[in-house]
């Protein structure tokens, strides 16, 4: 079973995304920030990391950098309502997160699940 690390500080968003993923048969580990995932699940594998880039307790990019050290081959799907839009920020973000897909909130269920399905075959 594919294991998804889902990090979002908004509990309602996180719960909704987790339910969608679970209904598609994914094993989902939910956390409000990257530290929480690393403390609980550092010894288990990850197929994909889905992370909100702006979390309340821990910077999302910093969280992803830490997760990337633990799971270097897991693709990252960055979600946020405020993804940087200038070219310089985009390049810096790509260096930290590559490979990456980005989803700008709000997104539809279909967009979200299609992105997950697109990313996961690369790590099969």
PDB file of N, CA and C in Angstrom:
ATOM      1  N   UNK A   1       0.847  -1.183   0.000  1.00  0.00           N
ATOM      2  CA  UNK A   1       0.000   0.000   0.000  1.00  0.00           C
ATOM      3  C   UNK A   1       0.894   1.248   0.000  1.00  0.00           C
ATOM      4  N   UNK A   2       0.521   2.230  -0.780  1.00  0.00           N
ATOM      5  CA  UNK A   2       1.268   3.486  -0.864  1.00  0.00           C
ATOM      6  C   UNK A   2       1.005   4.303   0.399  1.00  0.00           C
ATOM      7  N   UNK A   3       2.081   4.822   0.993  1.00  0.00           N
ATOM      8  CA  UNK A   3       1.984   5.591   2.231  1.00  0.00           C
ATOM      9  C   UNK A   3       2.173   7.073   1.932  1.00  0.00           C
ATOM     10  N   UNK A   4       1.211   7.883   2.352  1.00  0.00           N
ATOM     11  CA  UNK A   4       1.205   9.323   2.101  1.00  0.00           C
ATOM     12  C   UNK A   4       1.425  10.055   3.422  1.00  0.00           C
ATOM     13  N   UNK A   5       2.406  10.957   3.434  1.00  0.00           N
ATOM     14  CA  UNK A   5       2.583  11.854   4.567  1.00  0.00           C
ATOM     15  C   UNK A   5       1.860  13.146   4.229  1.00  0.00           C
ATOM     16  N   UNK A   6       0.868  13.497   5.013  1.00  0.00           N
ATOM     17  CA  UNK A   6       0.025  14.660   4.754  1.00  0.00           C
ATOM     18  C   UNK A   6       0.228  15.680   5.866  1.00  0.00           C
ATOM     19  N   UNK A   7       0.786  16.827   5.507  1.00  0.00           N
ATOM     20  CA  UNK A   7       1.116  17.853   6.497  1.00  0.00           C
ATOM     21  C   UNK A   7       0.370  19.137   6.151  1.00  0.00           C
ATOM     22  N   UNK A   8      -0.516  19.542   7.063  1.00  0.00           N
ATOM     23  CA  UNK A   8      -1.239  20.803   6.901  1.00  0.00           C
ATOM     24  C   UNK A   8      -1.664  21.256   8.284  1.00  0.00           C
ATOM     25  N   UNK A   9      -1.456  22.520   8.601  1.00  0.00           N
ATOM     26  CA  UNK A   9      -1.804  23.029   9.921  1.00  0.00           C
ATOM     27  C   UNK A   9      -3.303  23.233  10.093  1.00  0.00           C
ATOM     28  N   UNK A  10      -4.052  23.252   9.013  1.00  0.00           N
ATOM     29  CA  UNK A  10      -5.504  23.412   9.072  1.00  0.00           C
ATOM     30  C   UNK A  10      -6.134  22.028   9.215  1.00  0.00           C
ATOM     31  N   UNK A  11      -6.637  21.739  10.404  1.00  0.00           N
ATOM     32  CA  UNK A  11      -7.162  20.404  10.709  1.00  0.00           C
ATOM     33  C   UNK A  11      -8.297  19.993   9.782  1.00  0.00           C
ATOM     34  N   UNK A  12      -9.182  20.917   9.441  1.00  0.00           N
ATOM     35  CA  UNK A  12     -10.300  20.584   8.562  1.00  0.00           C
ATOM     36  C   UNK A  12      -9.814  20.213   7.166  1.00  0.00           C
ATOM     37  N   UNK A  13      -8.873  20.979   6.637  1.00  0.00           N
ATOM     38  CA  UNK A  13      -8.306  20.676   5.318  1.00  0.00           C
ATOM     39  C   UNK A  13      -7.604  19.321   5.374  1.00  0.00           C
ATOM     40  N   UNK A  14      -6.777  19.133   6.399  1.00  0.00           N
ATOM     41  CA  UNK A  14      -6.024  17.890   6.555  1.00  0.00           C
ATOM     42  C   UNK A  14      -6.962  16.682   6.639  1.00  0.00           C
ATOM     43  N   UNK A  15      -8.009  16.793   7.447  1.00  0.00           N
ATOM     44  CA  UNK A  15      -8.957  15.684   7.589  1.00  0.00           C
ATOM     45  C   UNK A  15      -9.676  15.387   6.277  1.00  0.00           C
ATOM     46  N   UNK A  16     -10.069  16.432   5.559  1.00  0.00           N
ATOM     47  CA  UNK A  16     -10.759  16.239   4.277  1.00  0.00           C
ATOM     48  C   UNK A  16      -9.858  15.559   3.257  1.00  0.00           C
ATOM     49  N   UNK A  17      -8.609  16.033   3.157  1.00  0.00           N
ATOM     50  CA  UNK A  17      -7.671  15.423   2.211  1.00  0.00           C
ATOM     51  C   UNK A  17      -7.362  13.979   2.600  1.00  0.00           C
ATOM     52  N   UNK A  18      -7.225  13.732   3.893  1.00  0.00           N
ATOM     53  CA  UNK A  18      -6.946  12.368   4.358  1.00  0.00           C
ATOM     54  C   UNK A  18      -8.098  11.429   4.003  1.00  0.00           C
ATOM     55  N   UNK A  19      -9.320  11.883   4.192  1.00  0.00           N
ATOM     56  CA  UNK A  19     -10.483  11.050   3.844  1.00  0.00           C
ATOM     57  C   UNK A  19     -10.511  10.726   2.354  1.00  0.00           C
ATOM     58  N   UNK A  20     -10.203  11.724   1.529  1.00  0.00           N
ATOM     59  CA  UNK A  20     -10.156  11.486   0.079  1.00  0.00           C
ATOM     60  C   UNK A  20      -9.103  10.436  -0.257  1.00  0.00           C
ATOM     61  N   UNK A  21      -7.922  10.581   0.317  1.00  0.00           N
ATOM     62  CA  UNK A  21      -6.837   9.647   0.039  1.00  0.00           C
ATOM     63  C   UNK A  21      -7.155   8.241   0.550  1.00  0.00           C
ATOM     64  N   UNK A  22      -7.710   8.147   1.748  1.00  0.00           N
ATOM     65  CA  UNK A  22      -8.069   6.849   2.312  1.00  0.00           C
ATOM     66  C   UNK A  22      -9.145   6.158   1.485  1.00  0.00           C
ATOM     67  N   UNK A  23     -10.085   6.934   0.959  1.00  0.00           N
ATOM     68  CA  UNK A  23     -11.137   6.342   0.126  1.00  0.00           C
ATOM     69  C   UNK A  23     -10.566   5.784  -1.176  1.00  0.00           C
ATOM     70  N   UNK A  24      -9.374   6.266  -1.565  1.00  0.00           N
ATOM     71  CA  UNK A  24      -8.689   5.765  -2.762  1.00  0.00           C
ATOM     72  C   UNK A  24      -7.719   4.628  -2.427  1.00  0.00           C
ATOM     73  N   UNK A  25      -7.667   4.234  -1.148  1.00  0.00           N
ATOM     74  CA  UNK A  25      -6.847   3.099  -0.746  1.00  0.00           C
ATOM     75  C   UNK A  25      -5.445   3.416  -0.264  1.00  0.00           C
ATOM     76  N   UNK A  26      -5.146   4.687  -0.014  1.00  0.00           N
ATOM     77  CA  UNK A  26      -3.817   5.060   0.466  1.00  0.00           C
ATOM     78  C   UNK A  26      -3.750   4.983   1.989  1.00  0.00           C
ATOM     79  N   UNK A  27      -2.579   4.628   2.514  1.00  0.00           N
ATOM     80  CA  UNK A  27      -2.283   4.689   3.943  1.00  0.00           C
ATOM     81  C   UNK A  27      -1.830   6.117   4.213  1.00  0.00           C
ATOM     82  N   UNK A  28      -2.540   6.844   5.068  1.00  0.00           N
ATOM     83  CA  UNK A  28      -2.266   8.262   5.279  1.00  0.00           C
ATOM     84  C   UNK A  28      -1.790   8.510   6.702  1.00  0.00           C
ATOM     85  N   UNK A  29      -0.679   9.218   6.812  1.00  0.00           N
ATOM     86  CA  UNK A  29      -0.190   9.699   8.095  1.00  0.00           C
ATOM     87  C   UNK A  29      -0.390  11.203   8.097  1.00  0.00           C
ATOM     88  N   UNK A  30      -1.181  11.686   9.049  1.00  0.00           N
ATOM     89  CA  UNK A  30      -1.499  13.110   9.123  1.00  0.00           C
ATOM     90  C   UNK A  30      -0.659  13.789  10.197  1.00  0.00           C
ATOM     91  N   UNK A  31      -0.294  15.031   9.931  1.00  0.00           N
ATOM     92  CA  UNK A  31       0.432  15.828  10.922  1.00  0.00           C
ATOM     93  C   UNK A  31       0.196  17.306  10.649  1.00  0.00           C
ATOM     94  N   UNK A  32       0.323  18.104  11.707  1.00  0.00           N
ATOM     95  CA  UNK A  32       0.152  19.544  11.541  1.00  0.00           C
ATOM     96  C   UNK A  32       1.443  20.224  11.113  1.00  0.00           C
ATOM     97  N   UNK A  33       2.586  19.531  11.266  1.00  0.00           N
ATOM     98  CA  UNK A  33       3.866  20.081  10.813  1.00  0.00           C
ATOM     99  C   UNK A  33       4.861  18.938  10.611  1.00  0.00           C
ATOM    100  N   UNK A  34       5.982  19.248   9.986  1.00  0.00           N
ATOM    101  CA  UNK A  34       6.979  18.235   9.655  1.00  0.00           C
ATOM    102  C   UNK A  34       7.620  17.605  10.867  1.00  0.00           C
ATOM    103  N   UNK A  35       7.830  18.374  11.919  1.00  0.00           N
ATOM    104  CA  UNK A  35       8.428  17.813  13.141  1.00  0.00           C
ATOM    105  C   UNK A  35       7.588  16.684  13.702  1.00  0.00           C
ATOM    106  N   UNK A  36       6.285  16.882  13.688  1.00  0.00           N
ATOM    107  CA  UNK A  36       5.363  15.877  14.214  1.00  0.00           C
ATOM    108  C   UNK A  36       5.521  14.552  13.464  1.00  0.00           C
ATOM    109  N   UNK A  37       5.637  14.610  12.143  1.00  0.00           N
ATOM    110  CA  UNK A  37       5.825  13.399  11.338  1.00  0.00           C
ATOM    111  C   UNK A  37       7.151  12.736  11.686  1.00  0.00           C
ATOM    112  N   UNK A  38       8.202  13.521  11.774  1.00  0.00           N
ATOM    113  CA  UNK A  38       9.524  12.966  12.056  1.00  0.00           C
ATOM    114  C   UNK A  38       9.585  12.335  13.444  1.00  0.00           C
ATOM    115  N   UNK A  39       8.907  12.915  14.414  1.00  0.00           N
ATOM    116  CA  UNK A  39       8.891  12.354  15.768  1.00  0.00           C
ATOM    117  C   UNK A  39       8.133  11.036  15.829  1.00  0.00           C
ATOM    118  N   UNK A  40       7.038  10.936  15.101  1.00  0.00           N
ATOM    119  CA  UNK A  40       6.180   9.748  15.160  1.00  0.00           C
ATOM    120  C   UNK A  40       6.586   8.649  14.204  1.00  0.00           C
ATOM    121  N   UNK A  41       6.981   8.999  12.990  1.00  0.00           N
ATOM    122  CA  UNK A  41       7.078   8.018  11.914  1.00  0.00           C
ATOM    123  C   UNK A  41       8.418   8.018  11.176  1.00  0.00           C
ATOM    124  N   UNK A  42       9.476   8.385  11.849  1.00  0.00           N
ATOM    125  CA  UNK A  42      10.765   8.517  11.173  1.00  0.00           C
ATOM    126  C   UNK A  42      11.285   7.201  10.613  1.00  0.00           C
ATOM    127  N   UNK A  43      10.860   6.084  11.159  1.00  0.00           N
ATOM    128  CA  UNK A  43      11.408   4.795  10.720  1.00  0.00           C
ATOM    129  C   UNK A  43      10.560   4.086   9.672  1.00  0.00           C
ATOM    130  N   UNK A  44       9.469   4.676   9.271  1.00  0.00           N
ATOM    131  CA  UNK A  44       8.610   4.060   8.257  1.00  0.00           C
ATOM    132  C   UNK A  44       8.825   4.741   6.920  1.00  0.00           C
ATOM    133  N   UNK A  45       8.544   4.028   5.850  1.00  0.00           N
ATOM    134  CA  UNK A  45       8.756   4.573   4.506  1.00  0.00           C
ATOM    135  C   UNK A  45       7.647   5.561   4.128  1.00  0.00           C
ATOM    136  N   UNK A  46       7.923   6.338   3.090  1.00  0.00           N
ATOM    137  CA  UNK A  46       6.935   7.273   2.557  1.00  0.00           C
ATOM    138  C   UNK A  46       6.944   7.185   1.045  1.00  0.00           C
ATOM    139  N   UNK A  47       5.767   7.076   0.437  1.00  0.00           N
ATOM    140  CA  UNK A  47       5.652   7.055  -1.015  1.00  0.00           C
ATOM    141  C   UNK A  47       5.588   8.457  -1.588  1.00  0.00           C
ATOM    142  N   UNK A  48       4.956   9.370  -0.854  1.00  0.00           N
ATOM    143  CA  UNK A  48       4.810  10.757  -1.297  1.00  0.00           C
ATOM    144  C   UNK A  48       4.603  11.634  -0.062  1.00  0.00           C
ATOM    145  N   UNK A  49       5.086  12.865  -0.148  1.00  0.00           N
ATOM    146  CA  UNK A  49       4.877  13.861   0.899  1.00  0.00           C
ATOM    147  C   UNK A  49       3.987  14.954   0.321  1.00  0.00           C
ATOM    148  N   UNK A  50       2.881  15.223   1.007  1.00  0.00           N
ATOM    149  CA  UNK A  50       1.993  16.325   0.621  1.00  0.00           C
ATOM    150  C   UNK A  50       2.079  17.325   1.763  1.00  0.00           C
ATOM    151  N   UNK A  51       2.578  18.521   1.470  1.00  0.00           N
ATOM    152  CA  UNK A  51       2.837  19.469   2.544  1.00  0.00           C
ATOM    153  C   UNK A  51       2.344  20.868   2.204  1.00  0.00           C
ATOM    154  N   UNK A  52       1.644  21.448   3.165  1.00  0.00           N
ATOM    155  CA  UNK A  52       1.290  22.853   3.080  1.00  0.00           C
ATOM    156  C   UNK A  52       2.574  23.638   3.333  1.00  0.00           C
ATOM    157  N   UNK A  53       2.889  24.576   2.488  1.00  0.00           N
ATOM    158  CA  UNK A  53       4.142  25.312   2.624  1.00  0.00           C
ATOM    159  C   UNK A  53       4.107  26.386   3.700  1.00  0.00           C
ATOM    160  N   UNK A  54       2.934  26.705   4.202  1.00  0.00           N
ATOM    161  CA  UNK A  54       2.831  27.700   5.256  1.00  0.00           C
ATOM    162  C   UNK A  54       2.090  27.065   6.426  1.00  0.00           C
ATOM    163  N   UNK A  55       2.855  26.630   7.422  1.00  0.00           N
ATOM    164  CA  UNK A  55       2.261  26.040   8.617  1.00  0.00           C
ATOM    165  C   UNK A  55       2.474  26.969   9.792  1.00  0.00           C
ATOM    166  N   UNK A  56       1.637  26.853  10.799  1.00  0.00           N
ATOM    167  CA  UNK A  56       1.711  27.775  11.931  1.00  0.00           C
ATOM    168  C   UNK A  56       2.939  27.556  12.810  1.00  0.00           C
ATOM    169  N   UNK A  57       3.271  26.309  13.110  1.00  0.00           N
ATOM    170  CA  UNK A  57       4.330  26.030  14.065  1.00  0.00           C
ATOM    171  C   UNK A  57       5.694  25.816  13.432  1.00  0.00           C
ATOM    172  N   UNK A  58       5.757  25.641  12.154  1.00  0.00           N
ATOM    173  CA  UNK A  58       7.031  25.296  11.528  1.00  0.00           C
ATOM    174  C   UNK A  58       6.940  25.690  10.060  1.00  0.00           C
ATOM    175  N   UNK A  59       7.929  26.391   9.578  1.00  0.00           N
ATOM    176  CA  UNK A  59       7.927  26.806   8.186  1.00  0.00           C
ATOM    177  C   UNK A  59       7.808  25.591   7.269  1.00  0.00           C
ATOM    178  N   UNK A  60       6.901  25.642   6.309  1.00  0.00           N
ATOM    179  CA  UNK A  60       6.653  24.502   5.430  1.00  0.00           C
ATOM    180  C   UNK A  60       7.854  24.091   4.610  1.00  0.00           C
ATOM    181  N   UNK A  61       8.617  25.058   4.085  1.00  0.00           N
ATOM    182  CA  UNK A  61       9.800  24.725   3.297  1.00  0.00           C
ATOM    183  C   UNK A  61      10.828  24.046   4.191  1.00  0.00           C
ATOM    184  N   UNK A  62      11.006  24.560   5.406  1.00  0.00           N
ATOM    185  CA  UNK A  62      11.932  23.941   6.359  1.00  0.00           C
ATOM    186  C   UNK A  62      11.479  22.523   6.696  1.00  0.00           C
ATOM    187  N   UNK A  63      10.180  22.342   6.869  1.00  0.00           N
ATOM    188  CA  UNK A  63       9.647  21.000   7.137  1.00  0.00           C
ATOM    189  C   UNK A  63       9.971  20.048   5.998  1.00  0.00           C
ATOM    190  N   UNK A  64       9.745  20.501   4.791  1.00  0.00           N
ATOM    191  CA  UNK A  64      10.000  19.645   3.637  1.00  0.00           C
ATOM    192  C   UNK A  64      11.484  19.333   3.513  1.00  0.00           C
ATOM    193  N   UNK A  65      12.348  20.288   3.828  1.00  0.00           N
ATOM    194  CA  UNK A  65      13.790  20.015   3.797  1.00  0.00           C
ATOM    195  C   UNK A  65      14.137  18.893   4.776  1.00  0.00           C
ATOM    196  N   UNK A  66      13.580  18.932   5.969  1.00  0.00           N
ATOM    197  CA  UNK A  66      13.829  17.887   6.967  1.00  0.00           C
ATOM    198  C   UNK A  66      13.280  16.543   6.501  1.00  0.00           C
ATOM    199  N   UNK A  67      12.089  16.559   5.947  1.00  0.00           N
ATOM    200  CA  UNK A  67      11.482  15.322   5.444  1.00  0.00           C
ATOM    201  C   UNK A  67      12.273  14.779   4.262  1.00  0.00           C
ATOM    202  N   UNK A  68      12.779  15.661   3.422  1.00  0.00           N
ATOM    203  CA  UNK A  68      13.562  15.277   2.253  1.00  0.00           C
ATOM    204  C   UNK A  68      14.842  14.551   2.685  1.00  0.00           C
ATOM    205  N   UNK A  69      15.435  14.973   3.816  1.00  0.00           N
ATOM    206  CA  UNK A  69      16.612  14.285   4.333  1.00  0.00           C
ATOM    207  C   UNK A  69      16.269  12.855   4.743  1.00  0.00           C
ATOM    208  N   UNK A  70      15.098  12.669   5.333  1.00  0.00           N
ATOM    209  CA  UNK A  70      14.689  11.333   5.800  1.00  0.00           C
ATOM    210  C   UNK A  70      14.199  10.455   4.644  1.00  0.00           C
ATOM    211  N   UNK A  71      13.427  11.037   3.715  1.00  0.00           N
ATOM    212  CA  UNK A  71      12.863  10.300   2.585  1.00  0.00           C
ATOM    213  C   UNK A  71      13.270  10.993   1.286  1.00  0.00           C
ATOM    214  N   UNK A  72      14.537  10.874   0.871  1.00  0.00           N
ATOM    215  CA  UNK A  72      15.030  11.639  -0.281  1.00  0.00           C
ATOM    216  C   UNK A  72      14.379  11.276  -1.612  1.00  0.00           C
ATOM    217  N   UNK A  73      13.811  10.086  -1.733  1.00  0.00           N
ATOM    218  CA  UNK A  73      13.217   9.673  -3.006  1.00  0.00           C
ATOM    219  C   UNK A  73      11.718   9.927  -3.096  1.00  0.00           C
ATOM    220  N   UNK A  74      11.105  10.345  -2.006  1.00  0.00           N
ATOM    221  CA  UNK A  74       9.658  10.576  -2.016  1.00  0.00           C
ATOM    222  C   UNK A  74       9.342  11.891  -2.731  1.00  0.00           C
ATOM    223  N   UNK A  75       8.495  11.845  -3.758  1.00  0.00           N
ATOM    224  CA  UNK A  75       8.090  13.090  -4.418  1.00  0.00           C
ATOM    225  C   UNK A  75       7.306  13.972  -3.449  1.00  0.00           C
ATOM    226  N   UNK A  76       7.323  15.250  -3.717  1.00  0.00           N
ATOM    227  CA  UNK A  76       6.647  16.220  -2.864  1.00  0.00           C
ATOM    228  C   UNK A  76       5.554  16.916  -3.675  1.00  0.00           C
ATOM    229  N   UNK A  77       4.382  17.003  -3.068  1.00  0.00           N
ATOM    230  CA  UNK A  77       3.309  17.833  -3.616  1.00  0.00           C
ATOM    231  C   UNK A  77       3.152  18.986  -2.636  1.00  0.00           C
ATOM    232  N   UNK A  78       3.467  20.183  -3.087  1.00  0.00           N
ATOM    233  CA  UNK A  78       3.367  21.377  -2.258  1.00  0.00           C
ATOM    234  C   UNK A  78       1.987  21.983  -2.441  1.00  0.00           C
ATOM    235  N   UNK A  79       1.286  22.190  -1.326  1.00  0.00           N
ATOM    236  CA  UNK A  79      -0.025  22.828  -1.381  1.00  0.00           C
ATOM    237  C   UNK A  79       0.029  24.089  -0.529  1.00  0.00           C
ATOM    238  N   UNK A  80      -0.635  25.118  -0.990  1.00  0.00           N
ATOM    239  CA  UNK A  80      -0.665  26.345  -0.216  1.00  0.00           C
ATOM    240  C   UNK A  80      -1.612  27.341  -0.854  1.00  0.00           C
ATOM    241  N   UNK A  81      -2.121  28.215  -0.028  1.00  0.00           N
ATOM    242  CA  UNK A  81      -2.895  29.333  -0.537  1.00  0.00           C
ATOM    243  C   UNK A  81      -1.995  30.483  -0.939  1.00  0.00           C
ATOM    244  N   UNK A  82      -0.702  30.375  -0.576  1.00  0.00           N
ATOM    245  CA  UNK A  82       0.241  31.459  -0.845  1.00  0.00           C
ATOM    246  C   UNK A  82       1.575  30.909  -1.345  1.00  0.00           C
ATOM    247  N   UNK A  83       1.569  30.233  -2.470  1.00  0.00           N
ATOM    248  CA  UNK A  83       2.806  29.748  -3.067  1.00  0.00           C
ATOM    249  C   UNK A  83       3.509  30.931  -3.718  1.00  0.00           C
ATOM    250  N   UNK A  84       4.824  31.102  -3.466  1.00  0.00           N
ATOM    251  CA  UNK A  84       5.538  32.244  -4.054  1.00  0.00           C
ATOM    252  C   UNK A  84       5.335  32.314  -5.559  1.00  0.00           C
ATOM    253  N   UNK A  85       5.216  33.547  -6.064  1.00  0.00           N
ATOM    254  CA  UNK A  85       4.924  33.695  -7.485  1.00  0.00           C
ATOM    255  C   UNK A  85       6.042  34.337  -8.279  1.00  0.00           C
ATOM    256  N   UNK A  86       7.047  34.940  -7.626  1.00  0.00           N
ATOM    257  CA  UNK A  86       8.106  35.560  -8.416  1.00  0.00           C
ATOM    258  C   UNK A  86       9.102  34.486  -8.862  1.00  0.00           C
ATOM    259  N   UNK A  87       9.761  34.734  -9.973  1.00  0.00           N
ATOM    260  CA  UNK A  87      10.637  33.731 -10.580  1.00  0.00           C
ATOM    261  C   UNK A  87      11.772  33.318  -9.642  1.00  0.00           C
ATOM    262  N   UNK A  88      12.354  34.254  -8.904  1.00  0.00           N
ATOM    263  CA  UNK A  88      13.451  33.943  -7.987  1.00  0.00           C
ATOM    264  C   UNK A  88      12.974  33.014  -6.875  1.00  0.00           C
ATOM    265  N   UNK A  89      11.800  33.300  -6.295  1.00  0.00           N
ATOM    266  CA  UNK A  89      11.240  32.429  -5.264  1.00  0.00           C
ATOM    267  C   UNK A  89      10.922  31.053  -5.827  1.00  0.00           C
ATOM    268  N   UNK A  90      10.401  30.999  -7.052  1.00  0.00           N
ATOM    269  CA  UNK A  90      10.098  29.718  -7.686  1.00  0.00           C
ATOM    270  C   UNK A  90      11.347  28.862  -7.830  1.00  0.00           C
ATOM    271  N   UNK A  91      12.463  29.461  -8.259  1.00  0.00           N
ATOM    272  CA  UNK A  91      13.706  28.709  -8.429  1.00  0.00           C
ATOM    273  C   UNK A  91      14.228  28.202  -7.092  1.00  0.00           C
ATOM    274  N   UNK A  92      14.163  29.034  -6.056  1.00  0.00           N
ATOM    275  CA  UNK A  92      14.613  28.613  -4.727  1.00  0.00           C
ATOM    276  C   UNK A  92      13.745  27.473  -4.208  1.00  0.00           C
ATOM    277  N   UNK A  93      12.449  27.577  -4.422  1.00  0.00           N
ATOM    278  CA  UNK A  93      11.529  26.535  -3.994  1.00  0.00           C
ATOM    279  C   UNK A  93      11.800  25.232  -4.739  1.00  0.00           C
ATOM    280  N   UNK A  94      12.037  25.310  -6.033  1.00  0.00           N
ATOM    281  CA  UNK A  94      12.337  24.111  -6.819  1.00  0.00           C
ATOM    282  C   UNK A  94      13.614  23.426  -6.341  1.00  0.00           C
ATOM    283  N   UNK A  95      14.632  24.200  -5.960  1.00  0.00           N
ATOM    284  CA  UNK A  95      15.878  23.598  -5.461  1.00  0.00           C
ATOM    285  C   UNK A  95      15.625  22.817  -4.186  1.00  0.00           C
ATOM    286  N   UNK A  96      14.760  23.320  -3.336  1.00  0.00           N
ATOM    287  CA  UNK A  96      14.468  22.665  -2.060  1.00  0.00           C
ATOM    288  C   UNK A  96      13.564  21.456  -2.254  1.00  0.00           C
ATOM    289  N   UNK A  97      12.570  21.563  -3.108  1.00  0.00           N
ATOM    290  CA  UNK A  97      11.510  20.571  -3.170  1.00  0.00           C
ATOM    291  C   UNK A  97      11.611  19.568  -4.308  1.00  0.00           C
ATOM    292  N   UNK A  98      12.432  19.801  -5.309  1.00  0.00           N
ATOM    293  CA  UNK A  98      12.442  18.957  -6.510  1.00  0.00           C
ATOM    294  C   UNK A  98      12.579  17.484  -6.146  1.00  0.00           C
ATOM    295  N   UNK A  99      11.850  16.558  -6.763  1.00  0.00           N
ATOM    296  CA  UNK A  99      10.766  16.842  -7.704  1.00  0.00           C
ATOM    297  C   UNK A  99       9.534  17.343  -6.967  1.00  0.00           C
ATOM    298  N   UNK A 100       8.795  18.203  -7.597  1.00  0.00           N
ATOM    299  CA  UNK A 100       7.661  18.817  -6.926  1.00  0.00           C
ATOM    300  C   UNK A 100       6.508  19.045  -7.892  1.00  0.00           C
ATOM    301  N   UNK A 101       5.326  18.900  -7.354  1.00  0.00           N
ATOM    302  CA  UNK A 101       4.118  19.382  -8.007  1.00  0.00           C
ATOM    303  C   UNK A 101       3.540  20.409  -7.046  1.00  0.00           C
ATOM    304  N   UNK A 102       2.910  21.405  -7.592  1.00  0.00           N
ATOM    305  CA  UNK A 102       2.314  22.438  -6.740  1.00  0.00           C
ATOM    306  C   UNK A 102       0.824  22.524  -7.002  1.00  0.00           C
ATOM    307  N   UNK A 103       0.091  22.659  -5.930  1.00  0.00           N
ATOM    308  CA  UNK A 103      -1.349  22.880  -6.027  1.00  0.00           C
ATOM    309  C   UNK A 103      -1.690  24.128  -5.236  1.00  0.00           C
ATOM    310  N   UNK A 104      -2.309  25.067  -5.906  1.00  0.00           N
ATOM    311  CA  UNK A 104      -2.729  26.303  -5.266  1.00  0.00           C
ATOM    312  C   UNK A 104      -4.114  26.105  -4.668  1.00  0.00           C
ATOM    313  N   UNK A 105      -4.270  26.371  -3.375  1.00  0.00           N
ATOM    314  CA  UNK A 105      -5.584  26.320  -2.751  1.00  0.00           C
ATOM    315  C   UNK A 105      -6.386  27.522  -3.221  1.00  0.00           C
ATOM    316  N   UNK A 106      -7.658  27.378  -3.444  1.00  0.00           N
ATOM    317  CA  UNK A 106      -8.438  26.139  -3.370  1.00  0.00           C
ATOM    318  C   UNK A 106      -8.269  25.310  -4.639  1.00  0.00           C
ATOM    319  N   UNK A 107      -8.287  24.010  -4.477  1.00  0.00           N
ATOM    320  CA  UNK A 107      -8.251  23.096  -5.619  1.00  0.00           C
ATOM    321  C   UNK A 107      -9.396  22.117  -5.469  1.00  0.00           C
ATOM    322  N   UNK A 108      -9.747  21.463  -6.560  1.00  0.00           N
ATOM    323  CA  UNK A 108     -10.866  20.517  -6.523  1.00  0.00           C
ATOM    324  C   UNK A 108     -10.369  19.140  -6.093  1.00  0.00           C
ATOM    325  N   UNK A 109     -11.296  18.313  -5.695  1.00  0.00           N
ATOM    326  CA  UNK A 109     -10.978  16.924  -5.348  1.00  0.00           C
ATOM    327  C   UNK A 109     -10.336  16.236  -6.543  1.00  0.00           C
ATOM    328  N   UNK A 110     -10.895  16.437  -7.719  1.00  0.00           N
ATOM    329  CA  UNK A 110     -10.350  15.804  -8.924  1.00  0.00           C
ATOM    330  C   UNK A 110      -8.925  16.261  -9.212  1.00  0.00           C
ATOM    331  N   UNK A 111      -8.652  17.560  -9.063  1.00  0.00           N
ATOM    332  CA  UNK A 111      -7.291  18.070  -9.280  1.00  0.00           C
ATOM    333  C   UNK A 111      -6.312  17.447  -8.280  1.00  0.00           C
ATOM    334  N   UNK A 112      -6.733  17.373  -7.036  1.00  0.00           N
ATOM    335  CA  UNK A 112      -5.881  16.821  -5.978  1.00  0.00           C
ATOM    336  C   UNK A 112      -5.559  15.352  -6.240  1.00  0.00           C
ATOM    337  N   UNK A 113      -6.593  14.549  -6.469  1.00  0.00           N
ATOM    338  CA  UNK A 113      -6.370  13.111  -6.678  1.00  0.00           C
ATOM    339  C   UNK A 113      -5.607  12.839  -7.973  1.00  0.00           C
ATOM    340  N   UNK A 114      -5.857  13.623  -9.009  1.00  0.00           N
ATOM    341  CA  UNK A 114      -5.115  13.451 -10.263  1.00  0.00           C
ATOM    342  C   UNK A 114      -3.632  13.739 -10.057  1.00  0.00           C
ATOM    343  N   UNK A 115      -3.316  14.745  -9.258  1.00  0.00           N
ATOM    344  CA  UNK A 115      -1.919  15.065  -8.972  1.00  0.00           C
ATOM    345  C   UNK A 115      -1.257  13.942  -8.202  1.00  0.00           C
ATOM    346  N   UNK A 116      -1.938  13.407  -7.210  1.00  0.00           N
ATOM    347  CA  UNK A 116      -1.382  12.289  -6.433  1.00  0.00           C
ATOM    348  C   UNK A 116      -1.146  11.083  -7.339  1.00  0.00           C
ATOM    349  N   UNK A 117      -2.107  10.760  -8.177  1.00  0.00           N
ATOM    350  CA  UNK A 117      -1.964   9.608  -9.089  1.00  0.00           C
ATOM    351  C   UNK A 117      -0.825   9.827 -10.083  1.00  0.00           C
ATOM    352  N   UNK A 118      -0.614  11.051 -10.510  1.00  0.00           N
ATOM    353  CA  UNK A 118       0.462  11.370 -11.451  1.00  0.00           C
ATOM    354  C   UNK A 118       1.830  11.197 -10.790  1.00  0.00           C
ATOM    355  N   UNK A 119       1.959  11.628  -9.557  1.00  0.00           N
ATOM    356  CA  UNK A 119       3.232  11.590  -8.845  1.00  0.00           C
ATOM    357  C   UNK A 119       3.589  10.168  -8.396  1.00  0.00           C
ATOM    358  N   UNK A 120       2.629   9.428  -7.937  1.00  0.00           N
ATOM    359  CA  UNK A 120       2.933   8.124  -7.332  1.00  0.00           C
ATOM    360  C   UNK A 120       3.509   7.084  -8.268  1.00  0.00           C
ATOM    361  N   UNK A 121       3.138   6.993  -9.536  1.00  0.00           N
ATOM    362  CA  UNK A 121       3.790   5.974 -10.383  1.00  0.00           C
ATOM    363  C   UNK A 121       5.302   6.136 -10.454  1.00  0.00           C
ATOM    364  N   UNK A 122       5.782   7.355 -10.273  1.00  0.00           N
ATOM    365  CA  UNK A 122       7.224   7.597 -10.336  1.00  0.00           C
ATOM    366  C   UNK A 122       7.959   6.933  -9.184  1.00  0.00           C
ATOM    367  N   UNK A 123       7.240   6.613  -8.117  1.00  0.00           N
ATOM    368  CA  UNK A 123       7.909   5.998  -6.973  1.00  0.00           C
ATOM    369  C   UNK A 123       7.431   4.573  -6.744  1.00  0.00           C
ATOM    370  N   UNK A 124       6.842   3.963  -7.749  1.00  0.00           N
ATOM    371  CA  UNK A 124       6.336   2.597  -7.593  1.00  0.00           C
ATOM    372  C   UNK A 124       7.457   1.585  -7.536  1.00  0.00           C
TER     373      UNK A 124
END
